[in-house]
Amino acid sequence: MEATLECARAGVTTGEWAGALREVFGEFRAPTGVSGAPVAVTAEAGTPLALVREKVEKTAADLGTGKLRFLVGKPGLDGHSNGAEQIAVRARDAGFEVVYQGIRLTPEQIVDAALAEDVHAVGLSILSGSHAQLVPDVLTRLRAAGAHDIPVIAGGIIPSSDAEDLRAAGVAAVFTPKDFGITEIIGRIVDEIRTANHLDPLEVPA
C-alpha cells in the first residue's frame, strides 16, 4: 500500500501500476467452463452436430492435419465469458482442437497463441463495445506475422454498420445474438477455413 500511494503521488498511471504488479506476482486466470464441460457428446447420424463433425473431419483430412485447431479469444476488459465458452465447447464437440485461455486477453497475447498453436481459425468474442479497435488490431498483427490464411471470426454485441466495417477490414464472418444456432456457427467457421485455404466448398449441409 505504501508503494501504491507513492506511485499515485508521483503520477504513475493505473496501467503502469498494474503492469508492475503483474511482473512481480503474475496474473490470475480464473478457471473457465470449457475444461469442466463433458467431453463425450453423442451425435446421432443425420443430426446437425453429426453433419458438422463430417465437415470438420473432411476439412482436416484435406489440409493434411490430424485435427482442425480453433483459438477462441476474449480481448478487452469485458468479464462475461459465457458466450465464448459455449462456442469453444461446441467447437470441441464438433471435433475441433480448441485453444481457450480465458478472458481479458490482449491482441498480442491472442496472436502469439494463434501462431504458437498453429491454429486454423481465430474466434474473437467481444461484448464491451471495443470491437472496432481490438478486432482490427488482431488482424493487423496476424498479417504482420505472415498468417494471412488464418480467418478471423468476430462475435458479440456488434451493430450492423460495425459488422460491415469489420468485414471490409478482413474479418471472415461476424455473429451477433441473432445468430443463436451454435452448431450452425461452427459449420460456418469450417466453411471460412476452407475458403481461406482455397478448398472447394463442401456439399454437407450445416
C-alpha atoms as a PDB file:
ATOM      1  CA  MET A   1       0.000   0.000   0.000  1.00  0.00           C
ATOM      2  CA  GLU A   2       2.831   2.389   0.782  1.00  0.00           C
ATOM      3  CA  ALA A   3       4.318   1.836  -2.678  1.00  0.00           C
ATOM      4  CA  THR A   4       0.897   2.304  -4.280  1.00  0.00           C
ATOM      5  CA  LEU A   5       0.366   5.642  -2.527  1.00  0.00           C
ATOM      6  CA  GLU A   6       3.833   6.766  -3.560  1.00  0.00           C
ATOM      7  CA  CYS A   7       3.016   5.850  -7.173  1.00  0.00           C
ATOM      8  CA  ALA A   8      -0.197   7.878  -7.038  1.00  0.00           C
ATOM      9  CA  ARG A   9       1.655  10.918  -5.708  1.00  0.00           C
ATOM     10  CA  ALA A  10       4.245  10.575  -8.470  1.00  0.00           C
ATOM     11  CA  GLY A  11       1.566  10.464 -11.180  1.00  0.00           C
ATOM     12  CA  VAL A  12       2.004   6.805 -12.145  1.00  0.00           C
ATOM     13  CA  THR A  13      -0.899   5.618 -14.305  1.00  0.00           C
ATOM     14  CA  THR A  14      -3.160   2.732 -13.319  1.00  0.00           C
ATOM     15  CA  GLY A  15      -1.839   0.742 -16.287  1.00  0.00           C
ATOM     16  CA  GLU A  16       1.790   1.246 -15.218  1.00  0.00           C
ATOM     17  CA  TRP A  17       0.957   0.338 -11.632  1.00  0.00           C
ATOM     18  CA  ALA A  18      -0.955  -2.806 -12.638  1.00  0.00           C
ATOM     19  CA  GLY A  19       1.798  -3.780 -15.085  1.00  0.00           C
ATOM     20  CA  ALA A  20       4.417  -3.636 -12.344  1.00  0.00           C
ATOM     21  CA  LEU A  21       2.265  -5.831 -10.082  1.00  0.00           C
ATOM     22  CA  ARG A  22       1.796  -8.376 -12.894  1.00  0.00           C
ATOM     23  CA  GLU A  23       5.545  -8.538 -13.468  1.00  0.00           C
ATOM     24  CA  VAL A  24       6.139  -9.339  -9.799  1.00  0.00           C
ATOM     25  CA  PHE A  25       3.118 -11.514  -8.940  1.00  0.00           C
ATOM     26  CA  GLY A  26       1.865 -12.785 -12.302  1.00  0.00           C
ATOM     27  CA  GLU A  27      -1.790 -12.647 -13.346  1.00  0.00           C
ATOM     28  CA  PHE A  28      -4.589 -14.846 -12.018  1.00  0.00           C
ATOM     29  CA  ARG A  29      -6.615 -16.681 -14.661  1.00  0.00           C
ATOM     30  CA  ALA A  30      -9.920 -17.926 -13.295  1.00  0.00           C
ATOM     31  CA  PRO A  31     -10.898 -21.453 -14.370  1.00  0.00           C
ATOM     32  CA  THR A  32     -13.371 -21.495 -17.241  1.00  0.00           C
ATOM     33  CA  GLY A  33     -16.361 -23.637 -18.011  1.00  0.00           C
ATOM     34  CA  VAL A  34     -14.620 -25.206 -21.012  1.00  0.00           C
ATOM     35  CA  SER A  35     -12.387 -27.678 -19.201  1.00  0.00           C
ATOM     36  CA  GLY A  36     -15.232 -28.808 -16.958  1.00  0.00           C
ATOM     37  CA  ALA A  37     -17.732 -29.472 -19.734  1.00  0.00           C
ATOM     38  CA  PRO A  38     -18.434 -33.112 -20.695  1.00  0.00           C
ATOM     39  CA  VAL A  39     -16.041 -34.398 -23.332  1.00  0.00           C
ATOM     40  CA  ALA A  40     -18.034 -37.263 -24.813  1.00  0.00           C
ATOM     41  CA  VAL A  41     -21.006 -35.789 -26.659  1.00  0.00           C
ATOM     42  CA  THR A  42     -23.012 -38.161 -28.790  1.00  0.00           C
ATOM     43  CA  ALA A  43     -24.377 -37.093 -32.145  1.00  0.00           C
ATOM     44  CA  GLU A  44     -26.814 -39.343 -33.987  1.00  0.00           C
ATOM     45  CA  ALA A  45     -26.312 -39.738 -37.721  1.00  0.00           C
ATOM     46  CA  GLY A  46     -28.039 -37.010 -39.703  1.00  0.00           C
ATOM     47  CA  THR A  47     -28.206 -34.514 -36.831  1.00  0.00           C
ATOM     48  CA  PRO A  48     -26.719 -31.027 -37.325  1.00  0.00           C
ATOM     49  CA  LEU A  49     -23.818 -31.821 -34.993  1.00  0.00           C
ATOM     50  CA  ALA A  50     -23.007 -35.058 -36.824  1.00  0.00           C
ATOM     51  CA  LEU A  51     -23.025 -33.220 -40.153  1.00  0.00           C
ATOM     52  CA  VAL A  52     -20.698 -30.530 -38.838  1.00  0.00           C
ATOM     53  CA  ARG A  53     -18.389 -33.228 -37.484  1.00  0.00           C
ATOM     54  CA  GLU A  54     -18.208 -34.629 -41.008  1.00  0.00           C
ATOM     55  CA  LYS A  55     -17.228 -31.209 -42.310  1.00  0.00           C
ATOM     56  CA  VAL A  56     -14.543 -30.852 -39.639  1.00  0.00           C
ATOM     57  CA  GLU A  57     -13.084 -34.302 -40.343  1.00  0.00           C
ATOM     58  CA  LYS A  58     -13.153 -33.820 -44.119  1.00  0.00           C
ATOM     59  CA  THR A  59     -11.515 -30.401 -43.887  1.00  0.00           C
ATOM     60  CA  ALA A  60      -8.801 -31.675 -41.536  1.00  0.00           C
ATOM     61  CA  ALA A  61      -8.097 -34.500 -43.985  1.00  0.00           C
ATOM     62  CA  ASP A  62      -7.994 -32.086 -46.929  1.00  0.00           C
ATOM     63  CA  LEU A  63      -5.468 -29.937 -45.060  1.00  0.00           C
ATOM     64  CA  GLY A  64      -3.406 -32.957 -44.054  1.00  0.00           C
ATOM     65  CA  THR A  65      -3.704 -32.280 -40.345  1.00  0.00           C
ATOM     66  CA  GLY A  66      -4.886 -34.532 -37.544  1.00  0.00           C
ATOM     67  CA  LYS A  67      -7.418 -32.039 -36.217  1.00  0.00           C
ATOM     68  CA  LEU A  68      -8.601 -28.568 -37.025  1.00  0.00           C
ATOM     69  CA  ARG A  69      -7.384 -26.143 -34.347  1.00  0.00           C
ATOM     70  CA  PHE A  70      -9.551 -23.197 -33.303  1.00  0.00           C
ATOM     71  CA  LEU A  71      -8.490 -20.419 -30.945  1.00  0.00           C
ATOM     72  CA  VAL A  72     -11.263 -18.674 -29.034  1.00  0.00           C
ATOM     73  CA  GLY A  73     -10.011 -15.362 -27.668  1.00  0.00           C
ATOM     74  CA  LYS A  74     -11.729 -12.803 -25.476  1.00  0.00           C
ATOM     75  CA  PRO A  75      -9.908  -9.476 -25.743  1.00  0.00           C
ATOM     76  CA  GLY A  76     -10.732  -6.339 -23.799  1.00  0.00           C
ATOM     77  CA  LEU A  77     -11.932  -5.792 -20.251  1.00  0.00           C
ATOM     78  CA  ASP A  78     -15.341  -7.455 -20.593  1.00  0.00           C
ATOM     79  CA  GLY A  79     -15.698 -10.170 -17.954  1.00  0.00           C
ATOM     80  CA  HIS A  80     -18.658 -12.067 -19.460  1.00  0.00           C
ATOM     81  CA  SER A  81     -17.289 -15.341 -20.800  1.00  0.00           C
ATOM     82  CA  ASN A  82     -20.434 -17.448 -21.240  1.00  0.00           C
ATOM     83  CA  GLY A  83     -20.829 -16.902 -24.993  1.00  0.00           C
ATOM     84  CA  ALA A  84     -17.166 -17.552 -25.742  1.00  0.00           C
ATOM     85  CA  GLU A  85     -17.228 -20.720 -23.671  1.00  0.00           C
ATOM     86  CA  GLN A  86     -20.354 -22.011 -25.406  1.00  0.00           C
ATOM     87  CA  ILE A  87     -18.661 -21.579 -28.783  1.00  0.00           C
ATOM     88  CA  ALA A  88     -15.460 -23.201 -27.513  1.00  0.00           C
ATOM     89  CA  VAL A  89     -17.305 -26.215 -26.093  1.00  0.00           C
ATOM     90  CA  ARG A  90     -19.442 -26.709 -29.206  1.00  0.00           C
ATOM     91  CA  ALA A  91     -16.362 -26.462 -31.442  1.00  0.00           C
ATOM     92  CA  ARG A  92     -14.739 -29.165 -29.341  1.00  0.00           C
ATOM     93  CA  ASP A  93     -17.916 -31.261 -29.585  1.00  0.00           C
ATOM     94  CA  ALA A  94     -17.689 -30.925 -33.372  1.00  0.00           C
ATOM     95  CA  GLY A  95     -14.159 -32.294 -33.444  1.00  0.00           C
ATOM     96  CA  PHE A  96     -12.000 -29.186 -33.226  1.00  0.00           C
ATOM     97  CA  GLU A  97      -8.964 -28.987 -31.002  1.00  0.00           C
ATOM     98  CA  VAL A  98      -9.837 -25.822 -29.098  1.00  0.00           C
ATOM     99  CA  VAL A  99      -7.389 -23.327 -27.636  1.00  0.00           C
ATOM    100  CA  TYR A 100      -9.142 -21.229 -24.987  1.00  0.00           C
ATOM    101  CA  GLN A 101      -7.159 -19.248 -22.437  1.00  0.00           C
ATOM    102  CA  GLY A 102      -9.818 -17.309 -20.600  1.00  0.00           C
ATOM    103  CA  ILE A 103     -10.808 -13.658 -20.641  1.00  0.00           C
ATOM    104  CA  ARG A 104      -9.197 -10.213 -20.776  1.00  0.00           C
ATOM    105  CA  LEU A 105      -6.518 -11.122 -23.304  1.00  0.00           C
ATOM    106  CA  THR A 106      -4.576  -8.524 -25.273  1.00  0.00           C
ATOM    107  CA  PRO A 107      -4.462  -8.710 -29.083  1.00  0.00           C
ATOM    108  CA  GLU A 108      -0.763  -9.507 -28.759  1.00  0.00           C
ATOM    109  CA  GLN A 109      -1.470 -12.481 -26.473  1.00  0.00           C
ATOM    110  CA  ILE A 110      -4.143 -13.773 -28.857  1.00  0.00           C
ATOM    111  CA  VAL A 111      -1.888 -13.558 -31.904  1.00  0.00           C
ATOM    112  CA  ASP A 112       1.053 -15.114 -30.050  1.00  0.00           C
ATOM    113  CA  ALA A 113      -1.178 -18.048 -29.044  1.00  0.00           C
ATOM    114  CA  ALA A 114      -2.578 -18.405 -32.576  1.00  0.00           C
ATOM    115  CA  LEU A 115       0.926 -18.640 -34.035  1.00  0.00           C
ATOM    116  CA  ALA A 116       2.306 -20.884 -31.304  1.00  0.00           C
ATOM    117  CA  GLU A 117      -0.613 -23.316 -31.594  1.00  0.00           C
ATOM    118  CA  ASP A 118      -0.670 -23.159 -35.413  1.00  0.00           C
ATOM    119  CA  VAL A 119      -4.449 -22.697 -35.420  1.00  0.00           C
ATOM    120  CA  HIS A 120      -6.696 -22.782 -38.477  1.00  0.00           C
ATOM    121  CA  ALA A 121      -9.066 -20.037 -37.277  1.00  0.00           C
ATOM    122  CA  VAL A 122      -9.339 -17.365 -34.592  1.00  0.00           C
ATOM    123  CA  GLY A 123     -12.657 -16.512 -32.965  1.00  0.00           C
ATOM    124  CA  LEU A 124     -12.935 -13.234 -31.044  1.00  0.00           C
ATOM    125  CA  SER A 125     -15.764 -12.708 -28.556  1.00  0.00           C
ATOM    126  CA  ILE A 126     -16.367  -9.082 -27.558  1.00  0.00           C
ATOM    127  CA  LEU A 127     -19.284  -7.645 -25.602  1.00  0.00           C
ATOM    128  CA  SER A 128     -17.608  -4.474 -24.336  1.00  0.00           C
ATOM    129  CA  GLY A 129     -18.091  -2.372 -27.470  1.00  0.00           C
ATOM    130  CA  SER A 130     -14.357  -2.295 -28.208  1.00  0.00           C
ATOM    131  CA  HIS A 131     -14.599  -4.479 -31.335  1.00  0.00           C
ATOM    132  CA  ALA A 132     -13.812  -1.555 -33.650  1.00  0.00           C
ATOM    133  CA  GLN A 133     -10.354  -1.231 -32.074  1.00  0.00           C
ATOM    134  CA  LEU A 134      -9.441  -4.726 -30.906  1.00  0.00           C
ATOM    135  CA  VAL A 135     -10.511  -6.861 -33.871  1.00  0.00           C
ATOM    136  CA  PRO A 136      -8.562  -4.841 -36.486  1.00  0.00           C
ATOM    137  CA  ASP A 137      -5.581  -4.894 -34.096  1.00  0.00           C
ATOM    138  CA  VAL A 138      -5.619  -8.705 -34.108  1.00  0.00           C
ATOM    139  CA  LEU A 139      -5.975  -8.745 -37.909  1.00  0.00           C
ATOM    140  CA  THR A 140      -3.048  -6.364 -38.353  1.00  0.00           C
ATOM    141  CA  ARG A 141      -0.797  -8.411 -36.069  1.00  0.00           C
ATOM    142  CA  LEU A 142      -1.669 -11.670 -37.834  1.00  0.00           C
ATOM    143  CA  ARG A 143      -0.916 -10.134 -41.226  1.00  0.00           C
ATOM    144  CA  ALA A 144       2.358  -8.687 -39.961  1.00  0.00           C
ATOM    145  CA  ALA A 145       3.304 -12.200 -38.843  1.00  0.00           C
ATOM    146  CA  GLY A 146       2.504 -13.565 -42.315  1.00  0.00           C
ATOM    147  CA  ALA A 147      -0.559 -15.501 -41.118  1.00  0.00           C
ATOM    148  CA  HIS A 148      -2.835 -14.422 -43.962  1.00  0.00           C
ATOM    149  CA  ASP A 149      -4.521 -17.828 -44.174  1.00  0.00           C
ATOM    150  CA  ILE A 150      -5.985 -17.737 -40.648  1.00  0.00           C
ATOM    151  CA  PRO A 151      -9.580 -16.465 -40.859  1.00  0.00           C
ATOM    152  CA  VAL A 152     -10.718 -14.227 -38.013  1.00  0.00           C
ATOM    153  CA  ILE A 153     -14.324 -14.555 -36.858  1.00  0.00           C
ATOM    154  CA  ALA A 154     -15.914 -11.969 -34.557  1.00  0.00           C
ATOM    155  CA  GLY A 155     -18.888 -12.470 -32.275  1.00  0.00           C
ATOM    156  CA  GLY A 156     -20.698 -10.346 -29.712  1.00  0.00           C
ATOM    157  CA  ILE A 157     -22.774  -7.199 -29.394  1.00  0.00           C
ATOM    158  CA  ILE A 158     -21.815  -5.704 -32.758  1.00  0.00           C
ATOM    159  CA  PRO A 159     -24.081  -3.236 -34.613  1.00  0.00           C
ATOM    160  CA  SER A 160     -24.778  -3.973 -38.280  1.00  0.00           C
ATOM    161  CA  SER A 161     -22.810  -0.946 -39.517  1.00  0.00           C
ATOM    162  CA  ASP A 162     -19.794  -2.013 -37.454  1.00  0.00           C
ATOM    163  CA  ALA A 163     -20.122  -5.568 -38.737  1.00  0.00           C
ATOM    164  CA  GLU A 164     -19.858  -4.248 -42.298  1.00  0.00           C
ATOM    165  CA  ASP A 165     -16.736  -2.285 -41.358  1.00  0.00           C
ATOM    166  CA  LEU A 166     -15.169  -5.381 -39.790  1.00  0.00           C
ATOM    167  CA  ARG A 167     -15.859  -7.466 -42.894  1.00  0.00           C
ATOM    168  CA  ALA A 168     -14.370  -4.700 -45.043  1.00  0.00           C
ATOM    169  CA  ALA A 169     -11.284  -4.789 -42.827  1.00  0.00           C
ATOM    170  CA  GLY A 170     -10.873  -8.512 -43.494  1.00  0.00           C
ATOM    171  CA  VAL A 171     -12.943 -10.299 -40.844  1.00  0.00           C
ATOM    172  CA  ALA A 172     -14.252 -13.533 -42.364  1.00  0.00           C
ATOM    173  CA  ALA A 173     -17.604 -13.595 -40.529  1.00  0.00           C
ATOM    174  CA  VAL A 174     -19.467 -11.691 -37.826  1.00  0.00           C
ATOM    175  CA  PHE A 175     -22.003 -13.274 -35.470  1.00  0.00           C
ATOM    176  CA  THR A 176     -24.356 -11.475 -33.086  1.00  0.00           C
ATOM    177  CA  PRO A 177     -27.003 -12.650 -30.597  1.00  0.00           C
ATOM    178  CA  LYS A 178     -29.365 -13.016 -33.582  1.00  0.00           C
ATOM    179  CA  ASP A 179     -27.204 -15.972 -34.648  1.00  0.00           C
ATOM    180  CA  PHE A 180     -28.272 -18.315 -31.873  1.00  0.00           C
ATOM    181  CA  GLY A 181     -27.647 -21.614 -33.693  1.00  0.00           C
ATOM    182  CA  ILE A 182     -24.302 -22.515 -32.152  1.00  0.00           C
ATOM    183  CA  THR A 183     -23.826 -25.705 -34.178  1.00  0.00           C
ATOM    184  CA  GLU A 184     -24.564 -23.784 -37.377  1.00  0.00           C
ATOM    185  CA  ILE A 185     -21.994 -21.156 -36.374  1.00  0.00           C
ATOM    186  CA  ILE A 186     -19.338 -23.871 -36.046  1.00  0.00           C
ATOM    187  CA  GLY A 187     -20.288 -25.142 -39.502  1.00  0.00           C
ATOM    188  CA  ARG A 188     -19.828 -21.617 -40.889  1.00  0.00           C
ATOM    189  CA  ILE A 189     -16.406 -21.420 -39.274  1.00  0.00           C
ATOM    190  CA  VAL A 190     -15.395 -24.625 -41.073  1.00  0.00           C
ATOM    191  CA  ASP A 191     -16.580 -23.043 -44.321  1.00  0.00           C
ATOM    192  CA  GLU A 192     -14.380 -19.994 -43.673  1.00  0.00           C
ATOM    193  CA  ILE A 193     -11.378 -22.230 -43.008  1.00  0.00           C
ATOM    194  CA  ARG A 194     -11.952 -23.961 -46.339  1.00  0.00           C
ATOM    195  CA  THR A 195     -12.286 -20.624 -48.147  1.00  0.00           C
ATOM    196  CA  ALA A 196      -9.114 -19.245 -46.541  1.00  0.00           C
ATOM    197  CA  ASN A 197      -7.204 -22.341 -47.630  1.00  0.00           C
ATOM    198  CA  HIS A 198      -8.631 -22.353 -51.176  1.00  0.00           C
ATOM    199  CA  LEU A 199     -10.539 -25.604 -50.677  1.00  0.00           C
ATOM    200  CA  ASP A 200     -13.730 -26.327 -52.576  1.00  0.00           C
ATOM    201  CA  PRO A 201     -16.974 -25.835 -50.621  1.00  0.00           C
ATOM    202  CA  LEU A 202     -18.460 -28.960 -49.095  1.00  0.00           C
ATOM    203  CA  GLU A 203     -21.923 -30.130 -50.032  1.00  0.00           C
ATOM    204  CA  VAL A 204     -22.528 -31.384 -46.486  1.00  0.00           C
ATOM    205  CA  PRO A 205     -25.233 -29.095 -45.031  1.00  0.00           C
ATOM    206  CA  ALA A 206     -24.762 -27.483 -41.619  1.00  0.00           C
END
